[in-house]
Amino acid sequence: MAVNHDEAGRVVATLAEHFPACFFVDGRKPVPIKCGIDKELIEALDQIVEPEAIRLALAIYCGHYHYLRTLVVGADRIGLDGAVAGSVNEDEAKGAAMRAAKQRLRRQRAEAAQNTREKIDKDILAAAKAKPTPPARIGFTDLRTAAQARKRVFDVG
């Protein structure tokens, strides 16, 4: 069974329901979870959620910007029972900070591109609404003056 992001979101909600000490969906600040918790989750939820869905849900949850920001050196990792199950080491913290910085940069670039598209759309709409100015009408006197100027240029020699 292929798992999509919507399904993964429902799985995260299920995880939060069964293991409220580890997983949050209500806007509370996430906490670093225990390394290897996927195996425990697959075993604990084997009749409820498919392993593939659990893995994707964890990848999305642990790759979220706000989760990555919690991975600082020495932060406690929490197990399914809510007890401390290790801590974040320096390499993990550096990797998480790098991923969070890349996500922030991508988001800023996307927002800038969206703002540019909106400005272009606004300019196009304004140009479409603007009434074109008709070309200036040339009178008989203007034509006579232009003809005399041409005659002077070509009759020089």
Protein backbone atom coordinates (compact mmCIF):
# COMPACT_ATOMS: atom_id res chain seq x y z
CA MET A 1 0.00 0.00 0.00
CA ALA A 2 1.41 3.40 -0.99
CA VAL A 3 1.27 5.97 1.78
CA ASN A 4 0.68 9.63 1.02
CA HIS A 5 1.19 12.73 3.15
CA ASP A 6 -2.47 12.87 4.21
CA GLU A 7 -2.28 9.32 5.50
CA ALA A 8 0.98 10.15 7.28
CA GLY A 9 -0.76 13.08 8.98
CA ARG A 10 -3.48 10.73 10.23
CA VAL A 11 -0.78 8.36 11.51
CA VAL A 12 0.90 11.19 13.42
CA ALA A 13 -2.49 11.99 14.99
CA THR A 14 -2.78 8.31 15.97
CA LEU A 15 0.72 8.41 17.46
CA ALA A 16 -0.16 11.51 19.45
CA GLU A 17 -3.31 9.81 20.71
CA HIS A 18 -1.51 6.63 21.83
CA PHE A 19 1.76 8.23 22.98
CA PRO A 20 1.03 11.80 24.13
CA ALA A 21 4.39 12.12 25.91
CA CYS A 22 6.26 11.79 22.59
CA PHE A 23 4.06 13.13 19.81
CA PHE A 24 2.12 16.38 19.53
CA VAL A 25 -0.28 17.69 16.93
CA ASP A 26 -1.94 20.48 18.86
CA GLY A 27 0.72 23.15 18.48
CA ARG A 28 2.72 22.27 21.58
CA LYS A 29 6.46 22.29 21.16
CA PRO A 30 7.68 18.84 20.09
CA VAL A 31 10.33 16.96 22.06
CA PRO A 32 13.24 14.91 20.72
CA ILE A 33 12.14 11.30 20.51
CA LYS A 34 14.22 8.22 21.19
CA CYS A 35 16.46 6.92 18.40
CA GLY A 36 15.08 3.68 16.98
CA ILE A 37 11.57 4.38 18.24
CA ASP A 38 10.19 3.23 14.88
CA LYS A 39 10.74 -0.40 15.78
CA GLU A 40 8.86 0.04 19.06
CA LEU A 41 6.02 1.85 17.29
CA ILE A 42 5.70 -0.85 14.63
CA GLU A 43 5.51 -3.48 17.36
CA ALA A 44 3.08 -1.49 19.51
CA LEU A 45 0.76 -0.52 16.64
CA ASP A 46 1.06 -3.60 14.43
CA GLN A 47 -2.72 -4.18 14.34
CA ILE A 48 -3.58 -0.49 13.87
CA VAL A 49 -1.07 1.06 11.45
CA GLU A 50 1.07 -0.40 8.68
CA PRO A 51 4.86 -0.21 9.17
CA GLU A 52 5.34 1.79 5.96
CA ALA A 53 2.88 4.41 7.20
CA ILE A 54 4.65 4.63 10.56
CA ARG A 55 8.02 5.15 8.87
CA LEU A 56 6.69 7.89 6.59
CA ALA A 57 4.88 9.59 9.47
CA LEU A 58 8.08 9.56 11.53
CA ALA A 59 10.09 10.93 8.62
CA ILE A 60 7.66 13.81 8.21
CA TYR A 61 7.33 14.45 11.95
CA CYS A 62 11.09 14.33 12.59
CA GLY A 63 11.84 16.39 9.48
CA HIS A 64 9.52 19.22 10.52
CA TYR A 65 11.24 22.55 11.15
CA HIS A 66 9.93 22.89 14.71
CA TYR A 67 11.05 19.37 15.62
CA LEU A 68 14.52 19.96 14.17
CA ARG A 69 14.83 23.09 16.32
CA THR A 70 14.42 20.96 19.48
CA LEU A 71 17.49 18.88 18.65
CA VAL A 72 20.12 20.77 20.64
CA VAL A 73 23.17 19.21 22.27
CA GLY A 74 22.23 17.51 25.52
CA ALA A 75 18.45 17.68 25.04
CA ASP A 76 16.69 14.64 26.49
CA ARG A 77 15.19 12.15 24.09
CA ILE A 78 11.84 10.72 25.18
CA GLY A 79 10.69 7.12 24.80
CA LEU A 80 7.14 5.88 24.24
CA ASP A 81 6.52 5.73 27.99
CA GLY A 82 7.56 9.38 28.45
CA ALA A 83 10.80 8.50 30.22
CA VAL A 84 14.18 9.90 29.20
CA ALA A 85 15.82 7.52 26.72
CA GLY A 86 19.10 9.19 25.83
CA SER A 87 20.14 12.65 24.73
CA VAL A 88 20.94 14.52 21.54
CA ASN A 89 24.64 14.40 20.66
CA GLU A 90 26.69 17.07 18.89
CA ASP A 91 26.53 15.45 15.43
CA GLU A 92 22.75 15.08 15.61
CA ALA A 93 22.37 18.69 16.72
CA LYS A 94 24.60 19.97 13.90
CA GLY A 95 22.74 17.90 11.31
CA ALA A 96 19.38 19.11 12.58
CA ALA A 97 20.53 22.75 12.59
CA MET A 98 21.72 22.37 9.00
CA ARG A 99 18.42 20.84 7.86
CA ALA A 100 16.43 23.54 9.68
CA ALA A 101 18.53 26.27 8.04
CA LYS A 102 17.96 24.73 4.58
CA GLN A 103 14.22 24.54 5.23
CA ARG A 104 14.14 28.17 6.37
CA LEU A 105 16.05 29.25 3.24
CA ARG A 106 13.70 27.26 0.96
CA ARG A 107 10.69 28.83 2.66
CA GLN A 108 12.14 32.35 2.28
CA ARG A 109 12.87 31.73 -1.39
CA ALA A 110 9.37 30.36 -1.98
CA GLU A 111 7.82 33.38 -0.26
CA ALA A 112 9.96 35.75 -2.33
CA ALA A 113 8.96 33.95 -5.54
CA GLN A 114 5.29 34.09 -4.52
CA ASN A 115 5.57 37.82 -3.80
CA THR A 116 7.19 38.35 -7.21
CA ARG A 117 4.43 36.35 -8.95
CA GLU A 118 1.76 38.36 -7.12
CA LYS A 119 3.41 41.65 -8.15
CA ILE A 120 3.66 40.53 -11.78
CA ASP A 121 0.01 39.42 -11.74
CA LYS A 122 -0.99 42.77 -10.24
CA ASP A 123 1.00 44.67 -12.89
CA ILE A 124 -0.53 42.59 -15.70
CA LEU A 125 -4.02 43.18 -14.34
CA ALA A 126 -3.38 46.92 -14.05
CA ALA A 127 -2.05 47.03 -17.61
CA ALA A 128 -5.09 45.13 -18.87
CA LYS A 129 -7.45 47.52 -17.11
CA ALA A 130 -5.65 50.64 -18.36
CA LYS A 131 -7.18 52.25 -21.42
CA PRO A 132 -4.69 52.51 -24.26
CA THR A 133 -3.89 56.03 -25.35
CA PRO A 134 -4.79 56.59 -28.97
CA PRO A 135 -1.98 57.69 -31.26
CA ALA A 136 -1.71 61.43 -31.79
CA ARG A 137 -3.49 62.58 -34.91
CA ILE A 138 -1.36 64.21 -37.55
CA GLY A 139 -2.84 67.25 -39.15
CA PHE A 140 -2.32 68.68 -42.66
CA THR A 141 0.16 71.25 -41.38
CA ASP A 142 2.25 68.49 -39.72
CA LEU A 143 2.30 66.50 -42.97
CA ARG A 144 3.38 69.57 -44.96
CA THR A 145 6.22 70.29 -42.47
CA ALA A 146 7.43 66.69 -42.60
CA ALA A 147 7.39 66.72 -46.41
CA GLN A 148 9.40 69.94 -46.52
CA ALA A 149 11.95 68.47 -44.10
CA ARG A 150 12.33 65.38 -46.28
CA LYS A 151 12.71 67.54 -49.35
CA ARG A 152 15.53 69.52 -47.73
CA VAL A 153 17.35 66.30 -46.81
CA PHE A 154 17.15 64.79 -50.29
CA ASP A 155 17.59 68.00 -52.30
CA VAL A 156 20.88 68.90 -50.64
CA GLY A 157 23.00 68.15 -53.66
